[in-house]
Amino acid sequence: MSAKLIDGKKIAAEIELELKTKILELDSPPRLSVVQVGEDPASTSYIRAKSNAAERVGIELTHHHLSEDVSKPDLEKLIINLNETENGIIIQLPLPKGLEEALDFIQPENDVDGFHSVNLGNLVQGKSGMKPCTPAGIVEMLYRSGNNPEGKHVVIVGRSTIVGKPLALLLSQKGVDATVTVCHSRTPNIGEYCKQADILVAAVGYPNTITSDMVKPGAVVIDVGVNRTEEGLVGDTSYDVREVAGQLTPVPGGVGPMTVVMLMSNVVAASLKTD
């Protein structure tokens, strides 16, 4: 048996068409500002992907590229000013040490990454608000690939505030109704939990974390990992997982495009609230 690959690029393209239609109905294009500090090559690559997606759907994206020695007051002033003019603001991570608090200056309604404490608090309480892009993209991918999570046992390996924790909250909300187990580096006998999963999500950030003996035959495996190795980009699952899983997201081309398109979706949603 070889797992069927879930084509994140194809699903993202479908959503882009839907967003493009919505944007054409607006009086003016949504506005997104991306703030980058320093020259991190991975950040530059991610911003390029976001810029290309914005252009495809009709979002006006402005890239504010600041030097690594920018002062904290100057960065905070820029964000305060952007709150007044933009529908969405992203501060591309990582930030140089000492500048992390600048994230708190983004107003919750402009926080299209969904990382603001207010937005995460709304998620905990089941209220509306900006949802983190990768978890939202995974849930959307599950539905659109015919894998309704209702009644399924989802095991998430990874407890970050960017993926693991918010994804667990989204999947366990009323109306989604999955049963969720969250595992992490301190979980004993982690493979035993993974083998119980109807849907297994690997969100650790280390290659080969999930091996074939940890996967229930026929399970849906969502690989969130993006690890740069000498062999190129690889996920968190080993190659032999595809011989056991029923469906699997590739790396690249799986979760990544979904993260970007859900960011575009958040920008459109923010613009609809302000127009």
C-alpha atoms as a PDB file:
ATOM      1  CA  MET A   1       0.000   0.000   0.000  1.00  0.00           C
ATOM      2  CA  SER A   2       1.194   3.491  -0.791  1.00  0.00           C
ATOM      3  CA  ALA A   3      -0.502   6.538   0.701  1.00  0.00           C
ATOM      4  CA  LYS A   4      -2.508   8.891  -1.470  1.00  0.00           C
ATOM      5  CA  LEU A   5      -0.927  12.331  -1.372  1.00  0.00           C
ATOM      6  CA  ILE A   6      -3.128  15.250  -0.291  1.00  0.00           C
ATOM      7  CA  ASP A   7      -2.369  18.051  -2.750  1.00  0.00           C
ATOM      8  CA  GLY A   8      -2.143  21.242  -0.691  1.00  0.00           C
ATOM      9  CA  LYS A   9      -1.257  23.297  -3.754  1.00  0.00           C
ATOM     10  CA  LYS A  10      -4.446  22.269  -5.537  1.00  0.00           C
ATOM     11  CA  ILE A  11      -6.671  22.957  -2.531  1.00  0.00           C
ATOM     12  CA  ALA A  12      -4.981  26.323  -1.939  1.00  0.00           C
ATOM     13  CA  ALA A  13      -5.538  27.265  -5.587  1.00  0.00           C
ATOM     14  CA  GLU A  14      -9.260  26.549  -5.191  1.00  0.00           C
ATOM     15  CA  ILE A  15      -9.436  28.838  -2.153  1.00  0.00           C
ATOM     16  CA  GLU A  16      -7.466  31.546  -3.987  1.00  0.00           C
ATOM     17  CA  LEU A  17     -10.122  31.605  -6.713  1.00  0.00           C
ATOM     18  CA  GLU A  18     -12.824  32.029  -4.077  1.00  0.00           C
ATOM     19  CA  LEU A  19     -10.898  34.882  -2.439  1.00  0.00           C
ATOM     20  CA  LYS A  20     -10.270  36.555  -5.784  1.00  0.00           C
ATOM     21  CA  THR A  21     -14.023  36.620  -6.425  1.00  0.00           C
ATOM     22  CA  LYS A  22     -14.666  38.201  -3.029  1.00  0.00           C
ATOM     23  CA  ILE A  23     -11.983  40.847  -3.582  1.00  0.00           C
ATOM     24  CA  LEU A  24     -13.402  41.826  -6.978  1.00  0.00           C
ATOM     25  CA  GLU A  25     -16.644  42.721  -5.198  1.00  0.00           C
ATOM     26  CA  LEU A  26     -14.876  45.133  -2.799  1.00  0.00           C
ATOM     27  CA  ASP A  27     -14.588  48.880  -3.386  1.00  0.00           C
ATOM     28  CA  SER A  28     -10.817  48.711  -2.865  1.00  0.00           C
ATOM     29  CA  PRO A  29      -8.247  45.912  -2.541  1.00  0.00           C
ATOM     30  CA  PRO A  30      -7.385  44.665   0.955  1.00  0.00           C
ATOM     31  CA  ARG A  31      -4.072  45.977   2.295  1.00  0.00           C
ATOM     32  CA  LEU A  32      -1.402  43.838   3.941  1.00  0.00           C
ATOM     33  CA  SER A  33       1.916  44.996   5.363  1.00  0.00           C
ATOM     34  CA  VAL A  34       4.749  42.556   6.081  1.00  0.00           C
ATOM     35  CA  VAL A  35       7.509  43.767   8.393  1.00  0.00           C
ATOM     36  CA  GLN A  36      10.866  42.004   8.147  1.00  0.00           C
ATOM     37  CA  VAL A  37      13.825  42.763  10.387  1.00  0.00           C
ATOM     38  CA  GLY A  38      17.222  41.535   9.222  1.00  0.00           C
ATOM     39  CA  GLU A  39      18.305  39.193   6.434  1.00  0.00           C
ATOM     40  CA  ASP A  40      17.133  35.737   7.501  1.00  0.00           C
ATOM     41  CA  PRO A  41      16.990  33.783   4.192  1.00  0.00           C
ATOM     42  CA  ALA A  42      14.081  31.593   5.305  1.00  0.00           C
ATOM     43  CA  SER A  43      12.080  34.712   6.169  1.00  0.00           C
ATOM     44  CA  THR A  44      12.819  36.192   2.768  1.00  0.00           C
ATOM     45  CA  SER A  45      11.615  32.976   1.109  1.00  0.00           C
ATOM     46  CA  TYR A  46       8.378  32.929   3.126  1.00  0.00           C
ATOM     47  CA  ILE A  47       7.684  36.580   2.339  1.00  0.00           C
ATOM     48  CA  ARG A  48       8.187  35.914  -1.364  1.00  0.00           C
ATOM     49  CA  ALA A  49       5.556  33.160  -1.214  1.00  0.00           C
ATOM     50  CA  LYS A  50       3.153  35.486   0.583  1.00  0.00           C
ATOM     51  CA  SER A  51       3.804  38.284  -1.891  1.00  0.00           C
ATOM     52  CA  ASN A  52       3.137  35.999  -4.854  1.00  0.00           C
ATOM     53  CA  ALA A  53      -0.110  34.746  -3.315  1.00  0.00           C
ATOM     54  CA  ALA A  54      -1.241  38.303  -2.549  1.00  0.00           C
ATOM     55  CA  GLU A  55      -0.622  39.312  -6.154  1.00  0.00           C
ATOM     56  CA  ARG A  56      -2.601  36.322  -7.457  1.00  0.00           C
ATOM     57  CA  VAL A  57      -5.715  37.112  -5.420  1.00  0.00           C
ATOM     58  CA  GLY A  58      -5.572  40.920  -5.602  1.00  0.00           C
ATOM     59  CA  ILE A  59      -4.273  41.943  -2.177  1.00  0.00           C
ATOM     60  CA  GLU A  60      -1.980  44.984  -1.998  1.00  0.00           C
ATOM     61  CA  LEU A  61       1.091  43.822  -0.079  1.00  0.00           C
ATOM     62  CA  THR A  62       3.774  46.215   1.167  1.00  0.00           C
ATOM     63  CA  HIS A  63       7.096  44.807   2.371  1.00  0.00           C
ATOM     64  CA  HIS A  64       8.794  46.886   5.069  1.00  0.00           C
ATOM     65  CA  HIS A  65      12.358  45.538   5.202  1.00  0.00           C
ATOM     66  CA  LEU A  66      14.221  46.968   8.202  1.00  0.00           C
ATOM     67  CA  SER A  67      17.862  46.603   9.213  1.00  0.00           C
ATOM     68  CA  GLU A  68      18.740  44.264  12.059  1.00  0.00           C
ATOM     69  CA  ASP A  69      19.837  47.199  14.226  1.00  0.00           C
ATOM     70  CA  VAL A  70      16.458  48.979  14.076  1.00  0.00           C
ATOM     71  CA  SER A  71      15.537  50.399  17.462  1.00  0.00           C
ATOM     72  CA  LYS A  72      12.613  49.042  19.438  1.00  0.00           C
ATOM     73  CA  PRO A  73      10.852  52.458  19.534  1.00  0.00           C
ATOM     74  CA  ASP A  74      11.174  52.841  15.750  1.00  0.00           C
ATOM     75  CA  LEU A  75       9.743  49.377  15.117  1.00  0.00           C
ATOM     76  CA  GLU A  76       6.865  49.990  17.516  1.00  0.00           C
ATOM     77  CA  LYS A  77       6.136  53.368  15.925  1.00  0.00           C
ATOM     78  CA  LEU A  78       5.946  51.763  12.476  1.00  0.00           C
ATOM     79  CA  ILE A  79       3.462  49.159  13.716  1.00  0.00           C
ATOM     80  CA  ILE A  80       1.304  51.771  15.453  1.00  0.00           C
ATOM     81  CA  ASN A  81       1.143  53.759  12.212  1.00  0.00           C
ATOM     82  CA  LEU A  82       0.337  50.663  10.133  1.00  0.00           C
ATOM     83  CA  ASN A  83      -2.581  49.873  12.458  1.00  0.00           C
ATOM     84  CA  GLU A  84      -4.249  52.999  11.105  1.00  0.00           C
ATOM     85  CA  THR A  85      -3.844  52.240   7.400  1.00  0.00           C
ATOM     86  CA  GLU A  86      -3.670  48.460   6.871  1.00  0.00           C
ATOM     87  CA  ASN A  87      -6.211  45.649   7.019  1.00  0.00           C
ATOM     88  CA  GLY A  88      -3.536  43.168   8.038  1.00  0.00           C
ATOM     89  CA  ILE A  89      -0.053  43.320   9.554  1.00  0.00           C
ATOM     90  CA  ILE A  90       2.547  40.568   9.803  1.00  0.00           C
ATOM     91  CA  ILE A  91       5.844  40.759  11.650  1.00  0.00           C
ATOM     92  CA  GLN A  92       7.918  38.007  10.083  1.00  0.00           C
ATOM     93  CA  LEU A  93       9.574  35.807  12.692  1.00  0.00           C
ATOM     94  CA  PRO A  94      12.203  35.317  13.964  1.00  0.00           C
ATOM     95  CA  LEU A  95      12.904  38.777  15.360  1.00  0.00           C
ATOM     96  CA  PRO A  96      16.256  39.861  16.813  1.00  0.00           C
ATOM     97  CA  LYS A  97      16.452  39.462  20.562  1.00  0.00           C
ATOM     98  CA  GLY A  98      14.750  42.293  22.451  1.00  0.00           C
ATOM     99  CA  LEU A  99      12.238  43.134  19.722  1.00  0.00           C
ATOM    100  CA  GLU A 100       9.693  40.370  20.392  1.00  0.00           C
ATOM    101  CA  GLU A 101       7.410  42.694  22.377  1.00  0.00           C
ATOM    102  CA  ALA A 102       6.696  44.614  19.164  1.00  0.00           C
ATOM    103  CA  LEU A 103       4.198  41.869  18.288  1.00  0.00           C
ATOM    104  CA  ASP A 104       1.928  43.157  21.058  1.00  0.00           C
ATOM    105  CA  PHE A 105       1.526  46.480  19.247  1.00  0.00           C
ATOM    106  CA  ILE A 106      -0.460  44.906  16.411  1.00  0.00           C
ATOM    107  CA  GLN A 107      -4.149  45.460  17.069  1.00  0.00           C
ATOM    108  CA  PRO A 108      -6.048  42.150  17.336  1.00  0.00           C
ATOM    109  CA  GLU A 109      -8.244  42.952  14.318  1.00  0.00           C
ATOM    110  CA  ASN A 110      -5.096  43.500  12.200  1.00  0.00           C
ATOM    111  CA  ASP A 111      -3.333  40.387  13.511  1.00  0.00           C
ATOM    112  CA  VAL A 112      -3.803  38.215  10.415  1.00  0.00           C
ATOM    113  CA  ASP A 113      -1.268  35.667  11.706  1.00  0.00           C
ATOM    114  CA  GLY A 114      -3.667  35.009  14.593  1.00  0.00           C
ATOM    115  CA  PHE A 115      -0.945  35.076  17.255  1.00  0.00           C
ATOM    116  CA  HIS A 116      -2.219  37.962  19.404  1.00  0.00           C
ATOM    117  CA  SER A 117      -3.221  36.934  22.934  1.00  0.00           C
ATOM    118  CA  VAL A 118      -6.721  38.329  22.343  1.00  0.00           C
ATOM    119  CA  ASN A 119      -7.193  36.176  19.248  1.00  0.00           C
ATOM    120  CA  LEU A 120      -5.815  33.092  20.986  1.00  0.00           C
ATOM    121  CA  GLY A 121      -8.110  33.840  23.936  1.00  0.00           C
ATOM    122  CA  ASN A 122     -11.099  34.037  21.582  1.00  0.00           C
ATOM    123  CA  LEU A 123     -10.085  30.658  20.191  1.00  0.00           C
ATOM    124  CA  VAL A 124     -10.019  29.145  23.687  1.00  0.00           C
ATOM    125  CA  GLN A 125     -13.510  30.500  24.356  1.00  0.00           C
ATOM    126  CA  GLY A 126     -14.884  29.460  20.973  1.00  0.00           C
ATOM    127  CA  LYS A 127     -15.481  33.060  19.902  1.00  0.00           C
ATOM    128  CA  SER A 128     -14.961  34.529  16.450  1.00  0.00           C
ATOM    129  CA  GLY A 129     -11.623  36.131  15.643  1.00  0.00           C
ATOM    130  CA  MET A 130      -8.466  35.677  13.618  1.00  0.00           C
ATOM    131  CA  LYS A 131      -7.340  32.056  13.654  1.00  0.00           C
ATOM    132  CA  PRO A 132      -3.673  31.011  13.327  1.00  0.00           C
ATOM    133  CA  CYS A 133      -3.025  30.236   9.678  1.00  0.00           C
ATOM    134  CA  THR A 134      -1.398  26.804   9.840  1.00  0.00           C
ATOM    135  CA  PRO A 135      -4.013  25.228  12.162  1.00  0.00           C
ATOM    136  CA  ALA A 136      -6.848  26.824  10.167  1.00  0.00           C
ATOM    137  CA  GLY A 137      -5.252  25.561   6.956  1.00  0.00           C
ATOM    138  CA  ILE A 138      -4.998  22.014   8.307  1.00  0.00           C
ATOM    139  CA  VAL A 139      -8.675  21.953   9.285  1.00  0.00           C
ATOM    140  CA  GLU A 140      -9.690  23.347   5.884  1.00  0.00           C
ATOM    141  CA  MET A 141      -7.474  20.787   4.153  1.00  0.00           C
ATOM    142  CA  LEU A 142      -9.093  17.935   6.078  1.00  0.00           C
ATOM    143  CA  TYR A 143     -12.588  18.974   5.030  1.00  0.00           C
ATOM    144  CA  ARG A 144     -11.683  19.622   1.408  1.00  0.00           C
ATOM    145  CA  SER A 145      -9.836  16.317   1.037  1.00  0.00           C
ATOM    146  CA  GLY A 146     -12.837  14.345   2.284  1.00  0.00           C
ATOM    147  CA  ASN A 147     -11.497  13.798   5.807  1.00  0.00           C
ATOM    148  CA  ASN A 148     -14.191  15.293   8.025  1.00  0.00           C
ATOM    149  CA  PRO A 149     -12.662  15.179  11.533  1.00  0.00           C
ATOM    150  CA  GLU A 150     -16.032  14.716  13.277  1.00  0.00           C
ATOM    151  CA  GLY A 151     -15.886  11.688  15.540  1.00  0.00           C
ATOM    152  CA  LYS A 152     -12.267  10.964  14.609  1.00  0.00           C
ATOM    153  CA  HIS A 153      -9.387  10.543  17.033  1.00  0.00           C
ATOM    154  CA  VAL A 154      -6.761  13.124  16.139  1.00  0.00           C
ATOM    155  CA  VAL A 155      -3.316  12.818  17.692  1.00  0.00           C
ATOM    156  CA  ILE A 156      -1.137  15.928  17.453  1.00  0.00           C
ATOM    157  CA  VAL A 157       2.586  15.544  18.090  1.00  0.00           C
ATOM    158  CA  GLY A 158       3.796  19.014  19.106  1.00  0.00           C
ATOM    159  CA  ARG A 159       2.411  21.567  21.555  1.00  0.00           C
ATOM    160  CA  SER A 160       3.584  24.900  20.147  1.00  0.00           C
ATOM    161  CA  THR A 161       1.373  27.975  20.350  1.00  0.00           C
ATOM    162  CA  ILE A 162       1.720  28.330  16.573  1.00  0.00           C
ATOM    163  CA  VAL A 163       0.428  24.888  15.565  1.00  0.00           C
ATOM    164  CA  GLY A 164      -0.175  22.221  18.208  1.00  0.00           C
ATOM    165  CA  LYS A 165      -2.206  24.014  20.862  1.00  0.00           C
ATOM    166  CA  PRO A 166      -4.440  26.117  18.575  1.00  0.00           C
ATOM    167  CA  LEU A 167      -5.028  23.137  16.276  1.00  0.00           C
ATOM    168  CA  ALA A 168      -6.205  21.069  19.245  1.00  0.00           C
ATOM    169  CA  LEU A 169      -8.631  23.859  20.154  1.00  0.00           C
ATOM    170  CA  LEU A 170      -9.986  24.170  16.602  1.00  0.00           C
ATOM    171  CA  LEU A 171     -10.515  20.439  16.186  1.00  0.00           C
ATOM    172  CA  SER A 172     -12.265  20.006  19.535  1.00  0.00           C
ATOM    173  CA  GLN A 173     -14.702  22.909  19.053  1.00  0.00           C
ATOM    174  CA  LYS A 174     -18.412  22.198  18.842  1.00  0.00           C
ATOM    175  CA  GLY A 175     -19.304  21.675  15.216  1.00  0.00           C
ATOM    176  CA  VAL A 176     -15.912  20.124  14.423  1.00  0.00           C
ATOM    177  CA  ASP A 177     -16.132  17.513  17.167  1.00  0.00           C
ATOM    178  CA  ALA A 178     -12.901  15.572  16.904  1.00  0.00           C
ATOM    179  CA  THR A 179     -11.427  13.844  19.947  1.00  0.00           C
ATOM    180  CA  VAL A 180      -7.935  15.242  20.352  1.00  0.00           C
ATOM    181  CA  THR A 181      -4.795  13.940  22.056  1.00  0.00           C
ATOM    182  CA  VAL A 182      -1.730  16.200  22.243  1.00  0.00           C
ATOM    183  CA  CYS A 183       1.688  14.546  22.606  1.00  0.00           C
ATOM    184  CA  HIS A 184       5.111  16.145  23.033  1.00  0.00           C
ATOM    185  CA  SER A 185       8.752  15.424  23.787  1.00  0.00           C
ATOM    186  CA  ARG A 186       7.966  14.413  27.369  1.00  0.00           C
ATOM    187  CA  THR A 187       5.187  11.977  26.435  1.00  0.00           C
ATOM    188  CA  PRO A 188       6.200   8.409  27.428  1.00  0.00           C
ATOM    189  CA  ASN A 189       5.471   5.659  24.897  1.00  0.00           C
ATOM    190  CA  ILE A 190       4.511   8.269  22.319  1.00  0.00           C
ATOM    191  CA  GLY A 191       4.243   5.676  19.574  1.00  0.00           C
ATOM    192  CA  GLU A 192       1.380   3.957  21.383  1.00  0.00           C
ATOM    193  CA  TYR A 193      -0.655   7.156  21.233  1.00  0.00           C
ATOM    194  CA  CYS A 194       0.218   7.789  17.600  1.00  0.00           C
ATOM    195  CA  LYS A 195      -0.926   4.293  16.585  1.00  0.00           C
ATOM    196  CA  GLN A 196      -4.409   5.079  17.931  1.00  0.00           C
ATOM    197  CA  ALA A 197      -4.847   8.058  15.588  1.00  0.00           C
ATOM    198  CA  ASP A 198      -7.327   8.164  12.745  1.00  0.00           C
ATOM    199  CA  ILE A 199      -5.639  11.463  11.865  1.00  0.00           C
ATOM    200  CA  LEU A 200      -2.032  11.971  12.940  1.00  0.00           C
ATOM    201  CA  VAL A 201      -0.489  15.454  12.849  1.00  0.00           C
ATOM    202  CA  ALA A 202       3.313  15.771  13.026  1.00  0.00           C
ATOM    203  CA  ALA A 203       4.274  19.295  14.116  1.00  0.00           C
ATOM    204  CA  VAL A 204       7.627  18.951  15.860  1.00  0.00           C
ATOM    205  CA  GLY A 205      10.263  20.406  13.550  1.00  0.00           C
ATOM    206  CA  TYR A 206      12.618  17.406  13.429  1.00  0.00           C
ATOM    207  CA  PRO A 207      13.034  14.975  10.512  1.00  0.00           C
ATOM    208  CA  ASN A 208      11.994  11.336  10.976  1.00  0.00           C
ATOM    209  CA  THR A 209      10.127  12.001  14.223  1.00  0.00           C
ATOM    210  CA  ILE A 210       7.213   9.860  13.023  1.00  0.00           C
ATOM    211  CA  THR A 211       8.178   6.458  11.651  1.00  0.00           C
ATOM    212  CA  SER A 212       6.035   3.799  10.007  1.00  0.00           C
ATOM    213  CA  ASP A 213       5.717   1.700  13.175  1.00  0.00           C
ATOM    214  CA  MET A 214       3.990   4.675  14.862  1.00  0.00           C
ATOM    215  CA  VAL A 215       1.190   4.926  12.286  1.00  0.00           C
ATOM    216  CA  LYS A 216      -2.098   2.997  12.218  1.00  0.00           C
ATOM    217  CA  PRO A 217      -2.615   1.371   8.809  1.00  0.00           C
ATOM    218  CA  GLY A 218      -4.819   3.604   6.656  1.00  0.00           C
ATOM    219  CA  ALA A 219      -4.485   6.667   8.907  1.00  0.00           C
ATOM    220  CA  VAL A 220      -4.432  10.221   7.529  1.00  0.00           C
ATOM    221  CA  VAL A 221      -1.028  11.786   8.267  1.00  0.00           C
ATOM    222  CA  ILE A 222      -0.614  15.564   8.194  1.00  0.00           C
ATOM    223  CA  ASP A 223       3.077  16.498   8.101  1.00  0.00           C
ATOM    224  CA  VAL A 224       3.599  20.101   9.231  1.00  0.00           C
ATOM    225  CA  GLY A 225       7.391  19.921   9.412  1.00  0.00           C
ATOM    226  CA  VAL A 226       9.624  21.991   7.159  1.00  0.00           C
ATOM    227  CA  ASN A 227      13.207  20.892   7.796  1.00  0.00           C
ATOM    228  CA  ARG A 228      16.104  22.036   5.641  1.00  0.00           C
ATOM    229  CA  THR A 229      18.567  19.174   5.143  1.00  0.00           C
ATOM    230  CA  GLU A 230      21.341  18.312   2.709  1.00  0.00           C
ATOM    231  CA  GLU A 231      18.742  16.336   0.756  1.00  0.00           C
ATOM    232  CA  GLY A 232      16.434  19.354   0.562  1.00  0.00           C
ATOM    233  CA  LEU A 233      13.187  20.141   2.374  1.00  0.00           C
ATOM    234  CA  VAL A 234      11.747  17.266   4.379  1.00  0.00           C
ATOM    235  CA  GLY A 235       8.947  16.946   6.883  1.00  0.00           C
ATOM    236  CA  ASP A 236       8.716  15.343  10.311  1.00  0.00           C
ATOM    237  CA  THR A 237       7.748  11.906   8.980  1.00  0.00           C
ATOM    238  CA  SER A 238      10.079   9.264   7.647  1.00  0.00           C
ATOM    239  CA  TYR A 239       9.773   8.165   4.021  1.00  0.00           C
ATOM    240  CA  ASP A 240       8.407   4.734   4.925  1.00  0.00           C
ATOM    241  CA  VAL A 241       5.279   6.266   6.515  1.00  0.00           C
ATOM    242  CA  ARG A 242       3.738   6.402   3.037  1.00  0.00           C
ATOM    243  CA  GLU A 243       3.731   2.592   2.982  1.00  0.00           C
ATOM    244  CA  VAL A 244       1.391   2.484   5.998  1.00  0.00           C
ATOM    245  CA  ALA A 245      -0.711   5.654   5.874  1.00  0.00           C
ATOM    246  CA  GLY A 246      -3.874   5.901   3.808  1.00  0.00           C
ATOM    247  CA  GLN A 247      -3.336   9.571   2.986  1.00  0.00           C
ATOM    248  CA  LEU A 248      -0.340  11.840   3.549  1.00  0.00           C
ATOM    249  CA  THR A 249       0.561  15.469   2.959  1.00  0.00           C
ATOM    250  CA  PRO A 250       3.809  15.922   1.009  1.00  0.00           C
ATOM    251  CA  VAL A 251       6.642  18.265   2.000  1.00  0.00           C
ATOM    252  CA  PRO A 252       6.811  20.605   0.212  1.00  0.00           C
ATOM    253  CA  GLY A 253       3.374  21.080  -1.333  1.00  0.00           C
ATOM    254  CA  GLY A 254       1.149  20.034   1.541  1.00  0.00           C
ATOM    255  CA  VAL A 255       0.499  22.201   4.581  1.00  0.00           C
ATOM    256  CA  GLY A 256       2.719  25.095   3.410  1.00  0.00           C
ATOM    257  CA  PRO A 257       0.434  26.379   0.627  1.00  0.00           C
ATOM    258  CA  MET A 258      -2.546  26.065   3.002  1.00  0.00           C
ATOM    259  CA  THR A 259      -0.829  28.278   5.575  1.00  0.00           C
ATOM    260  CA  VAL A 260      -0.242  30.998   2.987  1.00  0.00           C
ATOM    261  CA  VAL A 261      -3.767  30.897   1.556  1.00  0.00           C
ATOM    262  CA  MET A 262      -5.348  31.041   5.023  1.00  0.00           C
ATOM    263  CA  LEU A 263      -3.274  34.152   5.670  1.00  0.00           C
ATOM    264  CA  MET A 264      -4.805  35.675   2.536  1.00  0.00           C
ATOM    265  CA  SER A 265      -8.227  34.591   3.792  1.00  0.00           C
ATOM    266  CA  ASN A 266      -7.623  36.360   7.112  1.00  0.00           C
ATOM    267  CA  VAL A 267      -6.640  39.566   5.278  1.00  0.00           C
ATOM    268  CA  VAL A 268      -9.847  39.460   3.241  1.00  0.00           C
ATOM    269  CA  ALA A 269     -11.896  38.812   6.397  1.00  0.00           C
ATOM    270  CA  ALA A 270     -10.210  41.787   8.101  1.00  0.00           C
ATOM    271  CA  SER A 271     -10.980  44.042   5.133  1.00  0.00           C
ATOM    272  CA  LEU A 272     -14.647  43.003   5.144  1.00  0.00           C
ATOM    273  CA  LYS A 273     -14.928  44.058   8.796  1.00  0.00           C
ATOM    274  CA  THR A 274     -13.482  47.512   8.126  1.00  0.00           C
ATOM    275  CA  ASP A 275     -15.223  48.361   4.829  1.00  0.00           C
END
